[in-house]
Amino acid sequence: MNPLFIFTHVPRTAGTSLRVVAEQSLGKDRIHAIYGEDINDPVTTLMGLNLNKIDLIRGHIAFGLHEHIDRECKYIALVRDPLERVYSLFRYVRTHPGHHLYEATEGMSFQAFVESGVTAEANNGQCRQLAGLDGEFVQEPYAKPEHTPYGGNCHSVLLKAIANISYHYAWVANTRNFDRHLHYFIRKWQWRVVGESRTVVNVSGAGKQARDLPLEVRQTVWHYNQQDYRLVQKYTKGGAQWLP
């Protein structure tokens, strides 16, 4: 039996595309999603589930859910260029009035959004999530991270994320290589293919617009996301992280 896969979906990293492929490969009834308010208590959403009939858990959840599951688990994740990702996040928030950050970001420029601390997602959010700093990303506006204050670039968070990936992740890839490496993953773990498998990376086309932002703005994003830049660089050089 394959392990139970847990997709730690970092916001704005082609998660919708992976969902489509997973549903094609596994079937919707074999997937459990954790989003919205459920991310604040993901363990509770597992109560009553027969996890032997689930192949994939996905959601905006931090590393660590496996500690509450009595079954072999492997994690998967996608990472993305921090400038593109944070800019895509800002655009998504400002174009979705139902988003929990919409009112808190009213009238903000992109640079102000990054500097504000309105969400820890804009400050090494990828490292925070993969390091397992539960409650330090995506949840409430103006959350107060306990382990790493907003604006920090704590190297230990990067090291923790890398350690978790090394020991617990079956696959980590950059969104730019998503399609090619996803097909390798499907073959490696023998996911069955239901119908025609197609991938369309849904990252909102923010990349070019982000790269055209003024230098001062791009430098601000770098200042607040230095560890995320190092994380993404690490898993871009080799294309993808694979565990035996």
Protein backbone atom coordinates (compact mmCIF):
# COMPACT_ATOMS: atom_id res chain seq x y z
CA MET A 1 0.00 0.00 0.00
CA ASN A 2 1.22 3.47 -0.84
CA PRO A 3 1.69 5.91 2.06
CA LEU A 4 -0.93 8.50 2.82
CA PHE A 5 0.23 11.66 1.10
CA ILE A 6 -0.14 15.05 2.78
CA PHE A 7 0.03 18.05 0.47
CA THR A 8 1.14 21.08 2.47
CA HIS A 9 -0.34 23.55 0.00
CA VAL A 10 1.63 26.77 0.20
CA PRO A 11 -0.79 29.49 -0.98
CA ARG A 12 -0.30 30.65 -4.59
CA THR A 13 1.90 27.73 -5.67
CA ALA A 14 -0.23 25.92 -8.29
CA GLY A 15 -2.27 24.03 -5.71
CA THR A 16 -5.35 24.13 -7.91
CA SER A 17 -3.40 22.43 -10.69
CA LEU A 18 -2.24 19.68 -8.35
CA ARG A 19 -5.80 19.22 -7.10
CA VAL A 20 -7.03 18.66 -10.66
CA VAL A 21 -4.33 16.08 -11.35
CA ALA A 22 -4.94 14.33 -8.02
CA GLU A 23 -8.66 14.10 -8.68
CA GLN A 24 -7.96 12.68 -12.14
CA SER A 25 -5.48 10.17 -10.75
CA LEU A 26 -7.04 9.17 -7.43
CA GLY A 27 -10.70 10.14 -7.60
CA LYS A 28 -12.36 12.82 -5.47
CA ASP A 29 -13.56 10.29 -2.89
CA ARG A 30 -9.94 9.40 -2.05
CA ILE A 31 -8.97 12.98 -1.20
CA HIS A 32 -9.62 14.94 2.01
CA ALA A 33 -9.33 18.74 1.80
CA ILE A 34 -8.60 21.09 4.71
CA TYR A 35 -9.22 24.75 3.92
CA GLY A 36 -11.06 27.76 5.34
CA GLU A 37 -11.66 27.75 9.08
CA ASP A 38 -10.66 24.07 9.27
CA ILE A 39 -6.98 24.99 8.93
CA ASN A 40 -7.05 26.33 12.48
CA ASP A 41 -7.73 22.81 13.80
CA PRO A 42 -6.89 20.33 11.04
CA VAL A 43 -6.72 17.32 13.38
CA THR A 44 -10.42 17.65 14.22
CA THR A 45 -11.33 17.31 10.53
CA LEU A 46 -9.82 13.81 10.55
CA MET A 47 -12.22 12.53 13.20
CA GLY A 48 -14.58 9.93 11.81
CA LEU A 49 -12.59 9.47 8.60
CA ASN A 50 -11.47 6.02 7.52
CA LEU A 51 -7.94 7.03 6.56
CA ASN A 52 -7.35 3.66 4.91
CA LYS A 53 -9.74 4.87 2.22
CA ILE A 54 -7.94 8.21 1.77
CA ASP A 55 -4.91 8.57 -0.49
CA LEU A 56 -4.27 12.30 -0.16
CA ILE A 57 -4.88 15.03 2.42
CA ARG A 58 -4.41 18.52 1.02
CA GLY A 59 -4.78 22.00 2.42
CA HIS A 60 -3.21 25.19 3.70
CA ILE A 61 -1.77 23.27 6.62
CA ALA A 62 1.62 23.30 8.29
CA PHE A 63 3.95 20.33 8.44
CA GLY A 64 3.18 18.04 11.39
CA LEU A 65 -0.21 16.46 10.69
CA HIS A 66 1.40 13.03 10.35
CA GLU A 67 1.98 12.99 14.11
CA HIS A 68 -1.76 12.49 14.57
CA ILE A 69 -2.18 9.73 11.97
CA ASP A 70 -1.59 6.04 12.65
CA ARG A 71 -0.38 5.25 9.14
CA GLU A 72 2.76 5.84 7.11
CA CYS A 73 2.66 9.36 5.68
CA LYS A 74 4.72 11.17 3.06
CA TYR A 75 4.47 14.89 2.38
CA ILE A 76 4.48 16.72 -0.95
CA ALA A 77 4.80 20.43 -1.63
CA LEU A 78 5.35 23.03 -4.31
CA VAL A 79 7.48 26.12 -3.81
CA ARG A 80 7.60 29.30 -5.86
CA ASP A 81 9.78 32.34 -6.44
CA PRO A 82 8.99 34.52 -3.38
CA LEU A 83 8.47 37.74 -5.34
CA GLU A 84 6.00 36.08 -7.70
CA ARG A 85 4.24 34.24 -4.90
CA VAL A 86 3.78 37.19 -2.52
CA TYR A 87 2.69 39.47 -5.35
CA SER A 88 0.21 36.83 -6.53
CA LEU A 89 -1.07 36.55 -2.96
CA PHE A 90 -1.60 40.30 -2.74
CA ARG A 91 -3.46 40.39 -6.05
CA TYR A 92 -5.62 37.46 -5.00
CA VAL A 93 -6.54 39.08 -1.69
CA ARG A 94 -7.43 42.40 -3.32
CA THR A 95 -9.63 40.79 -6.00
CA HIS A 96 -11.58 38.50 -3.65
CA PRO A 97 -13.82 40.47 -1.24
CA GLY A 98 -14.57 37.27 0.67
CA HIS A 99 -10.93 36.70 1.55
CA HIS A 100 -10.19 36.99 5.27
CA LEU A 101 -7.53 39.64 4.55
CA TYR A 102 -9.59 41.77 2.17
CA GLU A 103 -10.79 44.39 4.66
CA ALA A 104 -7.46 44.51 6.52
CA THR A 105 -5.64 45.36 3.28
CA GLU A 106 -8.06 47.99 2.00
CA GLY A 107 -6.12 50.86 0.43
CA MET A 108 -2.74 49.18 0.84
CA SER A 109 -0.08 49.23 -1.83
CA PHE A 110 1.81 46.01 -2.46
CA GLN A 111 4.87 47.34 -0.63
CA ALA A 112 2.75 48.35 2.36
CA PHE A 113 1.19 44.88 2.36
CA VAL A 114 4.60 43.25 2.67
CA GLU A 115 5.76 45.63 5.39
CA SER A 116 2.52 45.63 7.40
CA GLY A 117 2.64 42.23 9.08
CA VAL A 118 -0.98 41.66 8.09
CA THR A 119 -0.11 38.03 7.40
CA ALA A 120 3.03 36.01 8.08
CA GLU A 121 2.60 34.51 4.62
CA ALA A 122 4.47 37.57 3.31
CA ASN A 123 7.48 36.96 5.57
CA ASN A 124 9.19 33.68 4.69
CA GLY A 125 5.77 32.05 4.57
CA GLN A 126 7.03 29.00 2.70
CA CYS A 127 9.69 28.25 5.29
CA ARG A 128 7.25 28.85 8.15
CA GLN A 129 4.75 26.39 6.70
CA LEU A 130 7.21 23.62 5.82
CA ALA A 131 9.02 24.07 9.14
CA GLY A 132 5.78 23.26 10.93
CA LEU A 133 5.25 26.61 12.63
CA ASP A 134 1.53 26.00 12.99
CA GLY A 135 -0.48 29.16 13.49
CA GLU A 136 2.22 31.39 12.02
CA PHE A 137 0.89 31.66 8.49
CA VAL A 138 -2.40 32.14 6.63
CA GLN A 139 -4.70 32.27 9.67
CA GLU A 140 -5.84 35.59 11.11
CA PRO A 141 -5.07 39.15 10.06
CA TYR A 142 -2.25 40.63 12.12
CA ALA A 143 -1.47 37.31 13.79
CA LYS A 144 1.40 37.44 16.28
CA PRO A 145 3.83 34.62 15.44
CA GLU A 146 5.21 33.08 18.61
CA HIS A 147 8.44 31.57 17.30
CA THR A 148 9.59 34.05 14.67
CA PRO A 149 8.48 37.69 14.95
CA TYR A 150 7.24 39.30 11.76
CA GLY A 151 10.04 40.79 9.72
CA GLY A 152 12.58 38.29 10.92
CA ASN A 153 14.81 36.08 8.79
CA CYS A 154 15.62 33.40 11.32
CA HIS A 155 18.01 30.90 9.74
CA SER A 156 16.80 28.15 12.07
CA VAL A 157 13.39 28.22 10.39
CA LEU A 158 15.02 27.52 7.02
CA LEU A 159 17.08 24.70 8.53
CA LYS A 160 13.97 23.19 10.11
CA ALA A 161 12.10 23.32 6.81
CA ILE A 162 15.01 21.64 5.00
CA ALA A 163 15.26 18.95 7.69
CA ASN A 164 11.54 18.21 7.45
CA ILE A 165 11.80 17.96 3.68
CA SER A 166 14.80 15.63 3.89
CA TYR A 167 13.14 13.22 6.31
CA HIS A 168 9.44 13.41 5.51
CA TYR A 169 8.80 14.70 1.98
CA ALA A 170 8.42 12.47 -1.05
CA TRP A 171 8.38 15.39 -3.46
CA VAL A 172 9.14 19.11 -3.44
CA ALA A 173 9.27 20.96 -6.76
CA ASN A 174 9.32 24.49 -8.08
CA THR A 175 6.14 25.59 -9.84
CA ARG A 176 8.24 26.43 -12.91
CA ASN A 177 9.04 22.70 -13.29
CA PHE A 178 5.63 21.54 -12.09
CA ASP A 179 4.40 19.62 -15.12
CA ARG A 180 7.59 17.72 -15.88
CA HIS A 181 8.28 16.63 -12.31
CA LEU A 182 4.65 15.81 -11.54
CA HIS A 183 4.61 13.12 -14.20
CA TYR A 184 7.73 11.59 -12.63
CA PHE A 185 5.96 11.59 -9.27
CA ILE A 186 2.85 9.90 -10.69
CA ARG A 187 4.93 7.12 -12.23
CA LYS A 188 7.12 6.67 -9.14
CA TRP A 189 4.18 6.20 -6.78
CA GLN A 190 2.00 4.43 -9.35
CA TRP A 191 -0.97 6.73 -9.07
CA ARG A 192 -3.57 5.35 -11.40
CA VAL A 193 -4.71 7.73 -14.13
CA VAL A 194 -8.47 8.22 -14.47
CA GLY A 195 -9.23 9.62 -17.90
CA GLU A 196 -6.82 11.99 -19.61
CA SER A 197 -4.31 13.56 -17.23
CA ARG A 198 -3.64 17.20 -18.01
CA THR A 199 -1.92 19.88 -15.98
CA VAL A 200 -2.47 23.59 -16.24
CA VAL A 201 -0.42 25.55 -13.74
CA ASN A 202 -2.67 28.10 -12.06
CA VAL A 203 -0.32 30.80 -10.76
CA SER A 204 -2.30 33.80 -12.05
CA GLY A 205 0.31 35.11 -14.51
CA ALA A 206 1.80 37.35 -11.82
CA GLY A 207 5.40 36.49 -12.60
CA LYS A 208 6.17 39.05 -15.30
CA GLN A 209 4.23 41.81 -13.54
CA ALA A 210 6.12 41.10 -10.32
CA ARG A 211 9.47 41.23 -12.07
CA ASP A 212 8.52 44.61 -13.58
CA LEU A 213 7.87 46.18 -10.16
CA PRO A 214 10.16 49.04 -9.07
CA LEU A 215 13.50 48.00 -7.63
CA GLU A 216 12.64 49.39 -4.18
CA VAL A 217 9.54 47.19 -4.01
CA ARG A 218 11.42 44.09 -5.13
CA GLN A 219 14.11 44.78 -2.54
CA THR A 220 11.44 45.00 0.16
CA VAL A 221 10.15 41.57 -0.78
CA TRP A 222 13.70 40.21 -0.68
CA HIS A 223 14.30 41.76 2.74
CA TYR A 224 11.23 40.04 4.20
CA ASN A 225 11.74 36.71 2.42
CA GLN A 226 15.45 35.96 2.45
CA GLN A 227 15.01 32.43 3.81
CA ASP A 228 12.28 31.65 1.28
CA TYR A 229 14.62 32.72 -1.51
CA ARG A 230 17.24 30.30 -0.19
CA LEU A 231 14.68 27.50 0.12
CA VAL A 232 13.38 27.95 -3.42
CA GLN A 233 16.91 28.19 -4.81
CA LYS A 234 17.81 24.89 -3.16
CA TYR A 235 14.89 23.05 -4.75
CA THR A 236 15.33 24.68 -8.12
CA LYS A 237 18.94 23.70 -8.71
CA GLY A 238 18.20 19.99 -8.55
CA GLY A 239 14.77 20.30 -10.09
CA ALA A 240 12.95 18.41 -7.35
CA GLN A 241 13.51 16.69 -4.01
CA TRP A 242 12.97 12.95 -4.01
CA LEU A 243 13.07 10.55 -1.11
CA PRO A 244 14.02 6.86 -1.59
